[in-house]
Amino acid sequence: MEKIKKIRKMETSKFDIADYLDSNEMIAEYLNAVLEEGNDVDIITAIGHIAKAVGMTKIAEQTGMSRTSLYKALSDGAKPQFETIMKVLKAIGGQIKVTPVSA
């Protein structure tokens, strides 16, 4: 019975991908995978995860946007302007690159 009480008291933490985006390589791999497989909502969400991992304050300083505006622009269901996405990508050290798709 004591074991069951201990198990019930165990706490779990919510998975947060931002905790694992700890290098430029991981960030690039994650974003490229989402760009390849995801839709526009997935891409905005991924950029939000990356911005969180890098640090919203740092991103805000580099983009000239407020942290509040960034959180709003990169939140679930948001539809940020392309200019905002480009500013954030530049601030996180990324860029968009187009490659031909084979038929």
N, C-alpha and C. Protein backbone atom coordinates (compact mmCIF):
# COMPACT_ATOMS: atom_id res chain seq x y z
N MET A 1 0.83 -1.20 0.00
CA MET A 1 0.00 0.00 0.00
C MET A 1 0.87 1.26 0.00
N GLU A 2 1.95 1.21 0.74
CA GLU A 2 2.87 2.37 0.81
C GLU A 2 3.47 2.68 -0.56
N LYS A 3 3.78 1.62 -1.33
CA LYS A 3 4.32 1.79 -2.68
C LYS A 3 3.32 2.52 -3.58
N ILE A 4 2.08 2.16 -3.48
CA ILE A 4 1.04 2.79 -4.28
C ILE A 4 0.92 4.27 -3.95
N LYS A 5 1.00 4.61 -2.68
CA LYS A 5 0.94 6.02 -2.27
C LYS A 5 2.11 6.80 -2.86
N LYS A 6 3.29 6.20 -2.85
CA LYS A 6 4.47 6.86 -3.40
C LYS A 6 4.32 7.06 -4.91
N ILE A 7 3.80 6.06 -5.59
CA ILE A 7 3.60 6.16 -7.03
C ILE A 7 2.60 7.27 -7.34
N ARG A 8 1.54 7.36 -6.59
CA ARG A 8 0.54 8.40 -6.81
C ARG A 8 1.11 9.79 -6.61
N LYS A 9 2.10 9.92 -5.75
CA LYS A 9 2.70 11.22 -5.45
C LYS A 9 3.76 11.62 -6.48
N MET A 10 4.15 10.68 -7.34
CA MET A 10 5.16 11.00 -8.34
C MET A 10 4.64 12.09 -9.26
N GLU A 11 5.48 13.03 -9.53
CA GLU A 11 5.09 14.11 -10.43
C GLU A 11 5.82 13.95 -11.75
N THR A 12 5.13 14.32 -12.80
CA THR A 12 5.74 14.32 -14.11
C THR A 12 5.80 15.75 -14.61
N SER A 13 6.72 15.99 -15.48
CA SER A 13 6.83 17.33 -16.04
C SER A 13 6.34 17.29 -17.49
N LYS A 14 5.84 18.40 -17.94
CA LYS A 14 5.34 18.50 -19.30
C LYS A 14 6.52 18.57 -20.26
N PHE A 15 6.44 17.82 -21.35
CA PHE A 15 7.49 17.84 -22.35
C PHE A 15 7.52 19.20 -23.03
N ASP A 16 8.70 19.78 -23.14
CA ASP A 16 8.87 21.06 -23.82
C ASP A 16 10.06 20.93 -24.76
N ILE A 17 9.79 20.95 -26.06
CA ILE A 17 10.85 20.78 -27.07
C ILE A 17 11.93 21.84 -26.91
N ALA A 18 11.57 23.02 -26.42
CA ALA A 18 12.54 24.10 -26.27
C ALA A 18 13.70 23.69 -25.35
N ASP A 19 13.44 22.77 -24.43
CA ASP A 19 14.48 22.28 -23.53
C ASP A 19 15.57 21.50 -24.26
N TYR A 20 15.27 21.02 -25.46
CA TYR A 20 16.20 20.20 -26.21
C TYR A 20 16.85 20.93 -27.39
N LEU A 21 16.43 22.15 -27.61
CA LEU A 21 16.99 22.94 -28.72
C LEU A 21 18.17 23.75 -28.19
N ASP A 22 19.24 23.05 -27.88
CA ASP A 22 20.37 23.67 -27.18
C ASP A 22 21.60 23.91 -28.05
N SER A 23 21.46 23.74 -29.36
CA SER A 23 22.57 24.04 -30.26
C SER A 23 22.00 24.49 -31.60
N ASN A 24 22.82 25.20 -32.36
CA ASN A 24 22.38 25.65 -33.69
C ASN A 24 22.03 24.47 -34.58
N GLU A 25 22.75 23.36 -34.43
CA GLU A 25 22.49 22.18 -35.23
C GLU A 25 21.12 21.58 -34.91
N MET A 26 20.80 21.48 -33.61
CA MET A 26 19.50 20.94 -33.20
C MET A 26 18.37 21.84 -33.67
N ILE A 27 18.57 23.14 -33.55
CA ILE A 27 17.56 24.10 -33.99
C ILE A 27 17.33 23.96 -35.49
N ALA A 28 18.40 23.90 -36.27
CA ALA A 28 18.28 23.77 -37.72
C ALA A 28 17.61 22.45 -38.10
N GLU A 29 17.99 21.36 -37.45
CA GLU A 29 17.41 20.06 -37.75
C GLU A 29 15.91 20.06 -37.45
N TYR A 30 15.54 20.60 -36.31
CA TYR A 30 14.14 20.67 -35.91
C TYR A 30 13.33 21.51 -36.90
N LEU A 31 13.81 22.71 -37.20
CA LEU A 31 13.07 23.59 -38.10
C LEU A 31 12.98 23.01 -39.51
N ASN A 32 14.05 22.43 -40.00
CA ASN A 32 14.01 21.81 -41.33
C ASN A 32 13.01 20.66 -41.38
N ALA A 33 12.95 19.86 -40.33
CA ALA A 33 11.98 18.76 -40.29
C ALA A 33 10.56 19.29 -40.32
N VAL A 34 10.31 20.35 -39.58
CA VAL A 34 8.96 20.93 -39.57
C VAL A 34 8.64 21.58 -40.91
N LEU A 35 9.61 22.26 -41.50
CA LEU A 35 9.38 22.87 -42.81
C LEU A 35 9.06 21.81 -43.86
N GLU A 36 9.70 20.66 -43.75
CA GLU A 36 9.51 19.59 -44.72
C GLU A 36 8.17 18.88 -44.54
N GLU A 37 7.78 18.67 -43.30
CA GLU A 37 6.61 17.83 -43.02
C GLU A 37 5.38 18.60 -42.53
N GLY A 38 5.58 19.82 -42.01
CA GLY A 38 4.49 20.51 -41.35
C GLY A 38 3.72 21.46 -42.24
N ASN A 39 2.73 22.07 -41.63
CA ASN A 39 1.94 23.08 -42.32
C ASN A 39 2.28 24.45 -41.72
N ASP A 40 1.58 25.49 -42.13
CA ASP A 40 1.92 26.83 -41.67
C ASP A 40 1.79 26.97 -40.16
N VAL A 41 0.79 26.35 -39.56
CA VAL A 41 0.62 26.41 -38.11
C VAL A 41 1.79 25.73 -37.41
N ASP A 42 2.20 24.57 -37.91
CA ASP A 42 3.33 23.85 -37.33
C ASP A 42 4.61 24.67 -37.40
N ILE A 43 4.81 25.36 -38.50
CA ILE A 43 6.02 26.15 -38.70
C ILE A 43 6.05 27.33 -37.73
N ILE A 44 4.94 28.02 -37.58
CA ILE A 44 4.88 29.14 -36.63
C ILE A 44 5.12 28.63 -35.21
N THR A 45 4.52 27.51 -34.87
CA THR A 45 4.71 26.91 -33.54
C THR A 45 6.18 26.56 -33.33
N ALA A 46 6.81 25.96 -34.33
CA ALA A 46 8.23 25.58 -34.22
C ALA A 46 9.11 26.82 -34.03
N ILE A 47 8.83 27.87 -34.78
CA ILE A 47 9.62 29.10 -34.62
C ILE A 47 9.43 29.66 -33.21
N GLY A 48 8.23 29.54 -32.68
CA GLY A 48 7.98 29.95 -31.30
C GLY A 48 8.78 29.13 -30.30
N HIS A 49 8.85 27.81 -30.53
CA HIS A 49 9.66 26.94 -29.65
C HIS A 49 11.13 27.36 -29.70
N ILE A 50 11.60 27.62 -30.89
CA ILE A 50 13.01 28.01 -31.06
C ILE A 50 13.28 29.35 -30.39
N ALA A 51 12.38 30.30 -30.58
CA ALA A 51 12.55 31.61 -29.95
C ALA A 51 12.58 31.47 -28.43
N LYS A 52 11.74 30.60 -27.90
CA LYS A 52 11.74 30.36 -26.45
C LYS A 52 13.07 29.75 -26.01
N ALA A 53 13.58 28.80 -26.80
CA ALA A 53 14.85 28.16 -26.45
C ALA A 53 16.01 29.15 -26.49
N VAL A 54 16.01 30.03 -27.48
CA VAL A 54 17.08 31.02 -27.61
C VAL A 54 16.93 32.09 -26.55
N GLY A 55 15.69 32.45 -26.26
CA GLY A 55 15.39 33.48 -25.26
C GLY A 55 14.58 34.61 -25.87
N MET A 56 13.37 34.77 -25.40
CA MET A 56 12.49 35.80 -25.96
C MET A 56 13.06 37.20 -25.78
N THR A 57 13.73 37.44 -24.67
CA THR A 57 14.31 38.77 -24.45
C THR A 57 15.37 39.06 -25.50
N LYS A 58 16.22 38.08 -25.76
CA LYS A 58 17.27 38.25 -26.77
C LYS A 58 16.65 38.46 -28.16
N ILE A 59 15.64 37.66 -28.49
CA ILE A 59 14.97 37.79 -29.78
C ILE A 59 14.31 39.16 -29.89
N ALA A 60 13.67 39.59 -28.82
CA ALA A 60 13.00 40.91 -28.81
C ALA A 60 14.02 42.02 -29.07
N GLU A 61 15.16 41.94 -28.43
CA GLU A 61 16.19 42.96 -28.63
C GLU A 61 16.68 42.97 -30.08
N GLN A 62 16.89 41.80 -30.64
CA GLN A 62 17.43 41.71 -31.99
C GLN A 62 16.42 42.06 -33.08
N THR A 63 15.14 41.88 -32.80
CA THR A 63 14.12 42.17 -33.80
C THR A 63 13.54 43.57 -33.65
N GLY A 64 13.76 44.19 -32.50
CA GLY A 64 13.16 45.49 -32.23
C GLY A 64 11.69 45.38 -31.85
N MET A 65 11.26 44.17 -31.53
CA MET A 65 9.87 43.94 -31.11
C MET A 65 9.83 43.75 -29.60
N SER A 66 8.66 43.94 -29.02
CA SER A 66 8.52 43.68 -27.58
C SER A 66 8.34 42.18 -27.36
N ARG A 67 8.67 41.74 -26.16
CA ARG A 67 8.47 40.33 -25.83
C ARG A 67 7.00 39.96 -25.95
N THR A 68 6.13 40.86 -25.51
CA THR A 68 4.70 40.60 -25.58
C THR A 68 4.25 40.40 -27.02
N SER A 69 4.74 41.24 -27.91
CA SER A 69 4.39 41.11 -29.33
C SER A 69 4.89 39.79 -29.90
N LEU A 70 6.09 39.40 -29.49
CA LEU A 70 6.64 38.13 -29.97
C LEU A 70 5.80 36.95 -29.48
N TYR A 71 5.50 36.94 -28.19
CA TYR A 71 4.68 35.85 -27.67
C TYR A 71 3.34 35.78 -28.40
N LYS A 72 2.74 36.94 -28.65
CA LYS A 72 1.45 36.99 -29.34
C LYS A 72 1.60 36.50 -30.78
N ALA A 73 2.63 36.94 -31.48
CA ALA A 73 2.85 36.57 -32.88
C ALA A 73 3.15 35.09 -33.05
N LEU A 74 3.75 34.48 -32.04
CA LEU A 74 4.18 33.09 -32.15
C LEU A 74 3.32 32.13 -31.32
N SER A 75 2.17 32.60 -30.87
CA SER A 75 1.29 31.77 -30.05
C SER A 75 0.42 30.89 -30.94
N ASP A 76 -0.22 29.90 -30.32
CA ASP A 76 -1.11 28.99 -31.05
C ASP A 76 -2.21 29.79 -31.74
N GLY A 77 -2.41 29.51 -33.00
CA GLY A 77 -3.47 30.16 -33.76
C GLY A 77 -3.11 31.52 -34.33
N ALA A 78 -1.91 32.02 -34.03
CA ALA A 78 -1.50 33.33 -34.53
C ALA A 78 -1.20 33.25 -36.03
N LYS A 79 -1.33 34.36 -36.67
CA LYS A 79 -1.00 34.46 -38.10
C LYS A 79 -0.08 35.68 -38.27
N PRO A 80 1.19 35.50 -37.89
CA PRO A 80 2.12 36.63 -37.96
C PRO A 80 2.41 37.05 -39.40
N GLN A 81 2.80 38.29 -39.54
CA GLN A 81 3.19 38.78 -40.85
C GLN A 81 4.50 38.11 -41.25
N PHE A 82 4.71 38.00 -42.55
CA PHE A 82 5.93 37.38 -43.07
C PHE A 82 7.17 38.14 -42.57
N GLU A 83 7.06 39.46 -42.48
CA GLU A 83 8.16 40.29 -41.99
C GLU A 83 8.57 39.88 -40.57
N THR A 84 7.60 39.57 -39.74
CA THR A 84 7.88 39.13 -38.37
C THR A 84 8.63 37.81 -38.37
N ILE A 85 8.16 36.87 -39.19
CA ILE A 85 8.82 35.57 -39.29
C ILE A 85 10.27 35.75 -39.73
N MET A 86 10.48 36.58 -40.73
CA MET A 86 11.84 36.80 -41.24
C MET A 86 12.73 37.44 -40.17
N LYS A 87 12.21 38.38 -39.41
CA LYS A 87 12.99 39.01 -38.33
C LYS A 87 13.39 37.98 -37.28
N VAL A 88 12.44 37.14 -36.91
CA VAL A 88 12.73 36.12 -35.90
C VAL A 88 13.73 35.10 -36.43
N LEU A 89 13.55 34.66 -37.67
CA LEU A 89 14.51 33.71 -38.26
C LEU A 89 15.92 34.29 -38.26
N LYS A 90 16.04 35.55 -38.65
CA LYS A 90 17.35 36.19 -38.66
C LYS A 90 17.93 36.26 -37.25
N ALA A 91 17.09 36.58 -36.27
CA ALA A 91 17.55 36.70 -34.88
C ALA A 91 18.01 35.36 -34.31
N ILE A 92 17.41 34.27 -34.78
CA ILE A 92 17.83 32.95 -34.27
C ILE A 92 18.95 32.36 -35.10
N GLY A 93 19.41 33.12 -36.09
CA GLY A 93 20.53 32.67 -36.91
C GLY A 93 20.13 31.76 -38.04
N GLY A 94 18.89 31.86 -38.49
CA GLY A 94 18.41 31.00 -39.55
C GLY A 94 18.08 31.78 -40.81
N GLN A 95 17.83 31.03 -41.84
CA GLN A 95 17.42 31.62 -43.11
C GLN A 95 16.57 30.61 -43.86
N ILE A 96 15.81 31.11 -44.80
CA ILE A 96 15.01 30.22 -45.65
C ILE A 96 15.80 29.94 -46.91
N LYS A 97 15.86 28.68 -47.29
CA LYS A 97 16.56 28.27 -48.48
C LYS A 97 15.64 27.36 -49.28
N VAL A 98 15.52 27.63 -50.56
CA VAL A 98 14.63 26.85 -51.41
C VAL A 98 15.47 25.88 -52.25
N THR A 99 15.03 24.64 -52.28
CA THR A 99 15.66 23.64 -53.13
C THR A 99 14.58 23.04 -54.02
N PRO A 100 14.94 22.66 -55.25
CA PRO A 100 13.93 22.10 -56.14
C PRO A 100 13.40 20.76 -55.61
N VAL A 101 12.13 20.55 -55.84
CA VAL A 101 11.50 19.30 -55.45
C VAL A 101 11.44 18.42 -56.69
N SER A 102 11.91 17.20 -56.57
CA SER A 102 11.88 16.30 -57.73
C SER A 102 10.46 15.81 -57.95
N ALA A 103 10.12 15.65 -59.20
CA ALA A 103 8.75 15.23 -59.57
C ALA A 103 8.55 13.76 -59.41
